[in-house]
Amino acid sequence: MQIKFSVTAALIIMCLLTTSIAVAYEPAKQTVFLKFPNGVIPWHIANRSMTNQGYEVIMYPQGQDRSNRAEAITTKIIPYSAIPGISAQRLVRNESNDIRTYCKNVTTQVINQSSKSATYYTIGRECSGAEDQSLFSKAFNGEDAVYSVGYTTIRGKVHPNEFKIISNVIKNARLVANPNYSR
């Protein structure tokens, strides 16, 4: 059974992602907006973590968790002050290069790149200690930080139509003002 996932719910989830950043950093000025089409199984926030480099939230679709996942959406907020010289382009390149550390065969395709954002698609094959994977990611050069959202799948465990739908959600992601930010 599929549960309808409204656009409003998507906005609320993404706003929550930036709300907790206030613990170590000022609230983020912006947030990533994802518009899920009706009929998509809902995603839930499974993990929030903060490091000296920023804030990360991992979401899984209903029925999946860290131990039995086939796909995940990860969002990151990296303040410019945390990593000097960070940019959307550098972040997605670094994420693609990270896959190279444990996968022998990696291909990366630039989908779109501009001064404001970068969108990449990476496939990792022959991975040590992990199954082959795909990463479709988009990052933005925001006002106060680099914001990113990535969709990771274990290859062969996600139906191609599901991959296409969620990849399009990531591709069409937008950076918007955070309604929880006040200055």
Protein backbone atom coordinates (compact mmCIF):
# COMPACT_ATOMS: atom_id res chain seq x y z
CA MET A 1 0.00 0.00 0.00
CA GLN A 2 1.36 3.40 -0.91
CA ILE A 3 0.62 6.42 1.23
CA LYS A 4 0.32 9.80 -0.42
CA PHE A 5 3.07 12.20 0.53
CA SER A 6 2.07 15.82 0.18
CA VAL A 7 4.20 18.74 -0.95
CA THR A 8 3.51 20.41 2.41
CA ALA A 9 4.92 17.41 4.25
CA ALA A 10 8.07 17.59 2.14
CA LEU A 11 8.56 21.24 3.04
CA ILE A 12 8.01 20.58 6.73
CA ILE A 13 10.54 17.73 6.78
CA MET A 14 13.18 19.80 5.04
CA CYS A 15 12.61 22.73 7.42
CA LEU A 16 13.13 20.39 10.36
CA LEU A 17 16.47 19.46 8.92
CA THR A 18 17.83 22.92 9.51
CA THR A 19 16.07 23.69 12.78
CA SER A 20 18.39 21.65 15.00
CA ILE A 21 21.54 23.23 13.60
CA ALA A 22 21.11 25.92 16.25
CA VAL A 23 22.85 23.62 18.75
CA ALA A 24 26.31 24.42 17.40
CA TYR A 25 25.72 26.98 14.68
CA GLU A 26 23.29 29.78 14.12
CA PRO A 27 20.12 28.58 12.40
CA ALA A 28 20.67 28.12 8.69
CA LYS A 29 19.38 30.96 6.54
CA GLN A 30 18.14 28.58 3.89
CA THR A 31 16.81 25.07 3.48
CA VAL A 32 16.57 22.54 0.67
CA PHE A 33 13.03 22.10 -0.64
CA LEU A 34 12.12 18.71 -2.08
CA LYS A 35 8.82 18.20 -3.86
CA PHE A 36 7.80 14.54 -3.72
CA PRO A 37 5.06 13.52 -6.16
CA ASN A 38 1.82 12.09 -4.79
CA GLY A 39 1.93 8.33 -4.34
CA VAL A 40 5.57 8.15 -3.24
CA ILE A 41 6.09 6.12 -0.07
CA PRO A 42 6.88 8.53 2.80
CA TRP A 43 10.45 8.99 4.00
CA HIS A 44 11.38 9.33 7.67
CA ILE A 45 14.30 11.00 9.39
CA ALA A 46 16.50 8.21 10.74
CA ASN A 47 19.59 10.08 11.91
CA ARG A 48 20.72 13.60 12.66
CA SER A 49 24.35 14.27 13.36
CA MET A 50 26.58 17.26 13.85
CA THR A 51 30.33 17.40 13.37
CA ASN A 52 32.90 20.15 13.37
CA GLN A 53 32.24 20.43 9.61
CA GLY A 54 28.47 20.77 9.64
CA TYR A 55 25.14 19.04 9.99
CA GLU A 56 23.81 15.89 8.32
CA VAL A 57 20.40 14.24 8.22
CA ILE A 58 19.72 10.79 6.79
CA MET A 59 16.25 9.72 5.68
CA TYR A 60 14.97 6.30 4.62
CA PRO A 61 11.70 5.32 2.97
CA GLN A 62 9.01 3.81 5.15
CA GLY A 63 9.92 0.22 5.98
CA GLN A 64 13.68 0.72 5.71
CA ASP A 65 16.32 1.62 8.26
CA ARG A 66 20.10 1.63 8.52
CA SER A 67 20.36 -2.15 8.81
CA ASN A 68 18.07 -3.02 5.90
CA ARG A 69 18.23 -0.10 3.52
CA ALA A 70 18.22 -0.14 -0.25
CA GLU A 71 18.09 3.65 -0.59
CA ALA A 72 18.65 6.79 1.46
CA ILE A 73 18.43 10.55 1.11
CA THR A 74 21.17 12.50 2.90
CA THR A 75 21.15 16.24 3.39
CA LYS A 76 24.12 18.27 4.56
CA ILE A 77 24.68 21.83 5.67
CA ILE A 78 28.33 22.87 5.73
CA PRO A 79 28.90 26.46 6.93
CA TYR A 80 31.54 28.31 4.93
CA SER A 81 33.37 28.98 8.19
CA ALA A 82 33.73 25.22 8.84
CA ILE A 83 35.63 24.38 5.64
CA PRO A 84 37.44 27.30 3.98
CA GLY A 85 37.00 27.25 0.22
CA ILE A 86 34.04 24.83 0.24
CA SER A 87 31.64 25.17 -2.67
CA ALA A 88 28.82 23.15 -4.17
CA GLN A 89 31.10 21.97 -6.95
CA ARG A 90 33.86 20.94 -4.55
CA LEU A 91 31.45 19.11 -2.24
CA VAL A 92 29.89 16.91 -4.94
CA ARG A 93 33.35 16.19 -6.40
CA ASN A 94 34.58 15.18 -2.93
CA GLU A 95 31.58 12.90 -2.42
CA SER A 96 32.21 11.23 -5.77
CA ASN A 97 35.91 10.84 -4.90
CA ASP A 98 35.01 9.31 -1.52
CA ILE A 99 33.32 6.46 -3.36
CA ARG A 100 36.62 5.80 -5.13
CA THR A 101 38.24 4.92 -1.80
CA TYR A 102 36.22 1.69 -1.54
CA CYS A 103 34.98 1.00 -5.10
CA LYS A 104 37.39 -0.08 -7.85
CA ASN A 105 35.22 1.03 -10.76
CA VAL A 106 33.67 4.51 -10.43
CA THR A 107 32.03 6.60 -13.12
CA THR A 108 30.79 10.14 -12.57
CA GLN A 109 28.61 12.20 -14.86
CA VAL A 110 28.08 15.94 -14.43
CA ILE A 111 24.35 16.55 -14.94
CA ASN A 112 24.42 20.31 -14.44
CA GLN A 113 26.92 22.78 -13.04
CA SER A 114 26.71 26.52 -12.53
CA SER A 115 28.07 29.10 -10.13
CA LYS A 116 25.05 28.47 -7.86
CA SER A 117 24.76 24.67 -7.86
CA ALA A 118 26.15 21.37 -9.08
CA THR A 119 24.36 18.12 -9.88
CA TYR A 120 26.26 14.84 -10.33
CA TYR A 121 25.45 11.16 -10.87
CA THR A 122 28.03 8.62 -9.65
CA ILE A 123 28.06 4.83 -9.94
CA GLY A 124 30.40 2.73 -7.81
CA ARG A 125 31.07 -0.90 -8.75
CA GLU A 126 33.31 -3.59 -7.29
CA CYS A 127 33.12 -2.06 -3.83
CA SER A 128 35.02 -3.61 -0.94
CA GLY A 129 32.81 -4.29 2.04
CA ALA A 130 29.76 -2.85 0.30
CA GLU A 131 27.43 -3.54 -2.56
CA ASP A 132 27.56 -1.57 -5.81
CA GLN A 133 25.87 1.79 -5.42
CA SER A 134 24.55 4.86 -7.18
CA LEU A 135 24.63 8.44 -5.90
CA PHE A 136 22.57 11.22 -7.44
CA SER A 137 23.48 14.47 -5.67
CA LYS A 138 22.86 18.19 -5.88
CA ALA A 139 24.60 20.91 -3.89
CA PHE A 140 23.95 24.64 -3.61
CA ASN A 141 26.15 27.62 -2.78
CA GLY A 142 23.89 29.25 -0.20
CA GLU A 143 24.18 32.55 1.62
CA ASP A 144 25.79 31.10 4.75
CA ALA A 145 26.69 27.51 3.83
CA VAL A 146 26.86 24.84 1.17
CA TYR A 147 23.64 22.83 1.22
CA SER A 148 23.44 19.41 -0.39
CA VAL A 149 21.02 16.58 -0.91
CA GLY A 150 21.98 13.15 -2.22
CA TYR A 151 20.07 10.03 -3.12
CA THR A 152 22.05 6.83 -2.61
CA THR A 153 20.87 3.40 -3.73
CA ILE A 154 22.23 -0.10 -3.64
CA ARG A 155 22.28 -1.06 -7.29
CA GLY A 156 19.79 -3.73 -8.25
CA LYS A 157 17.70 -3.31 -5.08
CA VAL A 158 15.66 -0.29 -6.21
CA HIS A 159 13.24 -0.49 -9.11
CA PRO A 160 14.38 1.72 -12.03
CA ASN A 161 11.09 3.69 -11.90
CA GLU A 162 11.63 4.47 -8.20
CA PHE A 163 15.20 5.56 -8.93
CA LYS A 164 13.98 7.84 -11.72
CA ILE A 165 11.27 9.40 -9.54
CA ILE A 166 13.52 10.15 -6.56
CA SER A 167 16.43 11.27 -8.77
CA ASN A 168 14.05 13.78 -10.36
CA VAL A 169 13.07 14.98 -6.87
CA ILE A 170 16.77 15.61 -6.17
CA LYS A 171 17.37 17.16 -9.61
CA ASN A 172 14.47 19.58 -9.04
CA ALA A 173 15.44 20.43 -5.44
CA ARG A 174 15.57 24.14 -4.69
CA LEU A 175 17.25 26.26 -2.06
CA VAL A 176 14.66 28.41 -0.27
CA ALA A 177 14.58 30.76 2.71
CA ASN A 178 14.34 28.92 6.03
CA PRO A 179 11.09 30.01 7.74
CA ASN A 180 12.71 29.19 11.11
CA TYR A 181 15.53 31.68 10.56
CA SER A 182 15.07 35.08 12.16
CA ARG A 183 17.56 37.93 12.21
